[in-house]
Structure formats: structure tokens, C-alpha cells
């Protein structure tokens, strides 16, 4: 495994630690929202 794959695997393990990941398959619709901060205001887009 090269260094980039190793770093990716470490980061994925760190981010998913203690969080269940739901099963999804091709064709499923996922809803993704992003928190946008503009100055002092923030909103979900």
C-alpha cells in the first residue's frame, strides 16, 4: 500500500470511529447538506 492509501485509510478510520455507516447501493438517493459560513452568518445549503 502506498503512502496516500495509508493516509486515506487512517483518516477514514478516524472520521468513522464510533459512527455507524448505513448501507447504500447504486441507485439510492443520498441527501447531503453543507454548512456555509459567510462572515458572521451561517446557513445550511
PDB file of N, CA and C in Angstrom:
ATOM      1  N   UNK A   1       0.860  -1.183   0.000  1.00  0.00           N
ATOM      2  CA  UNK A   1       0.000   0.000   0.000  1.00  0.00           C
ATOM      3  C   UNK A   1       0.900   1.237   0.000  1.00  0.00           C
ATOM      4  N   UNK A   2       0.595   2.202  -0.843  1.00  0.00           N
ATOM      5  CA  UNK A   2       1.441   3.389  -0.886  1.00  0.00           C
ATOM      6  C   UNK A   2       1.037   4.380   0.207  1.00  0.00           C
ATOM      7  N   UNK A   3       1.776   5.432   0.356  1.00  0.00           N
ATOM      8  CA  UNK A   3       1.595   6.382   1.456  1.00  0.00           C
ATOM      9  C   UNK A   3       0.237   7.076   1.397  1.00  0.00           C
ATOM     10  N   UNK A   4      -0.247   7.404   0.210  1.00  0.00           N
ATOM     11  CA  UNK A   4      -1.539   8.090   0.094  1.00  0.00           C
ATOM     12  C   UNK A   4      -2.669   7.169   0.535  1.00  0.00           C
ATOM     13  N   UNK A   5      -2.627   5.913   0.136  1.00  0.00           N
ATOM     14  CA  UNK A   5      -3.653   4.962   0.562  1.00  0.00           C
ATOM     15  C   UNK A   5      -3.603   4.755   2.070  1.00  0.00           C
ATOM     16  N   UNK A   6      -2.411   4.741   2.645  1.00  0.00           N
ATOM     17  CA  UNK A   6      -2.267   4.594   4.089  1.00  0.00           C
ATOM     18  C   UNK A   6      -2.869   5.782   4.817  1.00  0.00           C
ATOM     19  N   UNK A   7      -2.578   6.983   4.358  1.00  0.00           N
ATOM     20  CA  UNK A   7      -3.123   8.195   4.983  1.00  0.00           C
ATOM     21  C   UNK A   7      -4.639   8.223   4.829  1.00  0.00           C
ATOM     22  N   UNK A   8      -5.153   7.873   3.643  1.00  0.00           N
ATOM     23  CA  UNK A   8      -6.602   7.818   3.433  1.00  0.00           C
ATOM     24  C   UNK A   8      -7.257   6.847   4.407  1.00  0.00           C
ATOM     25  N   UNK A   9      -6.692   5.666   4.550  1.00  0.00           N
ATOM     26  CA  UNK A   9      -7.256   4.658   5.447  1.00  0.00           C
ATOM     27  C   UNK A   9      -7.257   5.149   6.890  1.00  0.00           C
ATOM     28  N   UNK A  10      -6.183   5.822   7.311  1.00  0.00           N
ATOM     29  CA  UNK A  10      -6.116   6.356   8.675  1.00  0.00           C
ATOM     30  C   UNK A  10      -7.178   7.427   8.899  1.00  0.00           C
ATOM     31  N   UNK A  11      -7.341   8.330   7.941  1.00  0.00           N
ATOM     32  CA  UNK A  11      -8.320   9.406   8.079  1.00  0.00           C
ATOM     33  C   UNK A  11      -9.749   8.864   8.078  1.00  0.00           C
ATOM     34  N   UNK A  12     -10.034   7.908   7.218  1.00  0.00           N
ATOM     35  CA  UNK A  12     -11.371   7.303   7.190  1.00  0.00           C
ATOM     36  C   UNK A  12     -11.657   6.614   8.512  1.00  0.00           C
ATOM     37  N   UNK A  13     -10.686   5.904   9.050  1.00  0.00           N
ATOM     38  CA  UNK A  13     -10.875   5.235  10.338  1.00  0.00           C
ATOM     39  C   UNK A  13     -11.122   6.250  11.444  1.00  0.00           C
ATOM     40  N   UNK A  14     -10.403   7.372  11.417  1.00  0.00           N
ATOM     41  CA  UNK A  14     -10.568   8.403  12.439  1.00  0.00           C
ATOM     42  C   UNK A  14     -11.946   9.062  12.350  1.00  0.00           C
ATOM     43  N   UNK A  15     -12.408   9.343  11.127  1.00  0.00           N
ATOM     44  CA  UNK A  15     -13.687  10.025  10.936  1.00  0.00           C
ATOM     45  C   UNK A  15     -14.887   9.130  11.218  1.00  0.00           C
ATOM     46  N   UNK A  16     -14.763   7.836  10.993  1.00  0.00           N
ATOM     47  CA  UNK A  16     -15.896   6.929  11.176  1.00  0.00           C
ATOM     48  C   UNK A  16     -15.891   6.235  12.525  1.00  0.00           C
ATOM     49  N   UNK A  17     -14.936   6.551  13.363  1.00  0.00           N
ATOM     50  CA  UNK A  17     -14.813   5.910  14.665  1.00  0.00           C
ATOM     51  C   UNK A  17     -16.064   6.153  15.515  1.00  0.00           C
ATOM     52  N   UNK A  18     -16.742   5.078  15.901  1.00  0.00           N
ATOM     53  CA  UNK A  18     -17.915   5.183  16.758  1.00  0.00           C
ATOM     54  C   UNK A  18     -19.183   5.623  16.048  1.00  0.00           C
ATOM     55  N   UNK A  19     -19.146   5.769  14.725  1.00  0.00           N
ATOM     56  CA  UNK A  19     -20.324   6.198  13.971  1.00  0.00           C
ATOM     57  C   UNK A  19     -20.758   5.065  13.051  1.00  0.00           C
ATOM     58  N   UNK A  20     -22.025   4.697  13.114  1.00  0.00           N
ATOM     59  CA  UNK A  20     -22.477   3.651  12.187  1.00  0.00           C
ATOM     60  C   UNK A  20     -22.592   4.211  10.767  1.00  0.00           C
ATOM     61  N   UNK A  21     -22.181   3.435   9.804  1.00  0.00           N
ATOM     62  CA  UNK A  21     -22.285   3.845   8.404  1.00  0.00           C
ATOM     63  C   UNK A  21     -23.411   3.027   7.783  1.00  0.00           C
ATOM     64  N   UNK A  22     -24.470   3.688   7.310  1.00  0.00           N
ATOM     65  CA  UNK A  22     -25.584   2.940   6.719  1.00  0.00           C
ATOM     66  C   UNK A  22     -25.178   2.290   5.398  1.00  0.00           C
ATOM     67  N   UNK A  23     -25.818   1.181   5.103  1.00  0.00           N
ATOM     68  CA  UNK A  23     -25.560   0.510   3.827  1.00  0.00           C
ATOM     69  C   UNK A  23     -26.319   1.231   2.730  1.00  0.00           C
ATOM     70  N   UNK A  24     -25.656   1.514   1.629  1.00  0.00           N
ATOM     71  CA  UNK A  24     -26.324   2.067   0.464  1.00  0.00           C
ATOM     72  C   UNK A  24     -25.732   1.434  -0.784  1.00  0.00           C
ATOM     73  N   UNK A  25     -26.538   1.416  -1.822  1.00  0.00           N
ATOM     74  CA  UNK A  25     -26.155   0.747  -3.062  1.00  0.00           C
ATOM     75  C   UNK A  25     -26.347   1.717  -4.225  1.00  0.00           C
ATOM     76  N   UNK A  26     -25.783   1.426  -5.382  1.00  0.00           N
ATOM     77  CA  UNK A  26     -26.004   2.286  -6.549  1.00  0.00           C
ATOM     78  C   UNK A  26     -27.499   2.445  -6.825  1.00  0.00           C
ATOM     79  N   UNK A  27     -27.906   3.667  -7.092  1.00  0.00           N
ATOM     80  CA  UNK A  27     -29.310   3.956  -7.355  1.00  0.00           C
ATOM     81  C   UNK A  27     -30.013   4.591  -6.172  1.00  0.00           C
ATOM     82  N   UNK A  28     -29.435   4.481  -4.974  1.00  0.00           N
ATOM     83  CA  UNK A  28     -30.015   5.125  -3.798  1.00  0.00           C
ATOM     84  C   UNK A  28     -29.842   6.633  -3.912  1.00  0.00           C
ATOM     85  N   UNK A  29     -30.757   7.372  -3.302  1.00  0.00           N
ATOM     86  CA  UNK A  29     -30.662   8.826  -3.269  1.00  0.00           C
ATOM     87  C   UNK A  29     -30.130   9.232  -1.904  1.00  0.00           C
ATOM     88  N   UNK A  30     -29.064  10.008  -1.892  1.00  0.00           N
ATOM     89  CA  UNK A  30     -28.478  10.486  -0.648  1.00  0.00           C
ATOM     90  C   UNK A  30     -28.751  11.968  -0.521  1.00  0.00           C
ATOM     91  N   UNK A  31     -29.048  12.404   0.690  1.00  0.00           N
ATOM     92  CA  UNK A  31     -29.276  13.820   0.942  1.00  0.00           C
ATOM     93  C   UNK A  31     -28.041  14.363   1.668  1.00  0.00           C
ATOM     94  N   UNK A  32     -27.417  15.354   1.072  1.00  0.00           N
ATOM     95  CA  UNK A  32     -26.192  15.933   1.617  1.00  0.00           C
ATOM     96  C   UNK A  32     -26.429  17.413   1.843  1.00  0.00           C
ATOM     97  N   UNK A  33     -26.038  17.909   3.006  1.00  0.00           N
ATOM     98  CA  UNK A  33     -26.147  19.341   3.271  1.00  0.00           C
ATOM     99  C   UNK A  33     -24.787  19.859   3.722  1.00  0.00           C
ATOM    100  N   UNK A  34     -24.552  21.127   3.423  1.00  0.00           N
ATOM    101  CA  UNK A  34     -23.268  21.753   3.718  1.00  0.00           C
ATOM    102  C   UNK A  34     -23.520  23.003   4.543  1.00  0.00           C
ATOM    103  N   UNK A  35     -22.775  23.172   5.615  1.00  0.00           N
ATOM    104  CA  UNK A  35     -22.854  24.399   6.402  1.00  0.00           C
ATOM    105  C   UNK A  35     -21.967  25.444   5.744  1.00  0.00           C
ATOM    106  N   UNK A  36     -22.575  26.578   5.361  1.00  0.00           N
ATOM    107  CA  UNK A  36     -21.852  27.659   4.698  1.00  0.00           C
ATOM    108  C   UNK A  36     -21.772  28.825   5.666  1.00  0.00           C
ATOM    109  N   UNK A  37     -20.571  29.312   5.907  1.00  0.00           N
ATOM    110  CA  UNK A  37     -20.389  30.446   6.806  1.00  0.00           C
ATOM    111  C   UNK A  37     -19.891  31.624   5.989  1.00  0.00           C
ATOM    112  N   UNK A  38     -20.641  32.728   6.053  1.00  0.00           N
ATOM    113  CA  UNK A  38     -20.282  33.957   5.350  1.00  0.00           C
ATOM    114  C   UNK A  38     -20.197  35.067   6.381  1.00  0.00           C
ATOM    115  N   UNK A  39     -18.998  35.432   6.723  1.00  0.00           N
ATOM    116  CA  UNK A  39     -18.823  36.442   7.766  1.00  0.00           C
ATOM    117  C   UNK A  39     -19.309  35.882   9.092  1.00  0.00           C
ATOM    118  N   UNK A  40     -20.295  36.554   9.700  1.00  0.00           N
ATOM    119  CA  UNK A  40     -20.842  36.086  10.970  1.00  0.00           C
ATOM    120  C   UNK A  40     -22.083  35.224  10.777  1.00  0.00           C
ATOM    121  N   UNK A  41     -22.619  35.198   9.559  1.00  0.00           N
ATOM    122  CA  UNK A  41     -23.823  34.423   9.286  1.00  0.00           C
ATOM    123  C   UNK A  41     -23.454  33.016   8.827  1.00  0.00           C
ATOM    124  N   UNK A  42     -24.302  32.070   9.162  1.00  0.00           N
ATOM    125  CA  UNK A  42     -24.113  30.720   8.645  1.00  0.00           C
ATOM    126  C   UNK A  42     -25.468  30.181   8.212  1.00  0.00           C
ATOM    127  N   UNK A  43     -25.427  29.296   7.235  1.00  0.00           N
ATOM    128  CA  UNK A  43     -26.652  28.704   6.721  1.00  0.00           C
ATOM    129  C   UNK A  43     -26.353  27.300   6.227  1.00  0.00           C
ATOM    130  N   UNK A  44     -27.409  26.505   6.097  1.00  0.00           N
ATOM    131  CA  UNK A  44     -27.285  25.159   5.560  1.00  0.00           C
ATOM    132  C   UNK A  44     -27.737  25.199   4.114  1.00  0.00           C
ATOM    133  N   UNK A  45     -26.909  24.696   3.243  1.00  0.00           N
ATOM    134  CA  UNK A  45     -27.246  24.710   1.822  1.00  0.00           C
ATOM    135  C   UNK A  45     -27.333  23.292   1.317  1.00  0.00           C
TER     136      UNK A  45
END
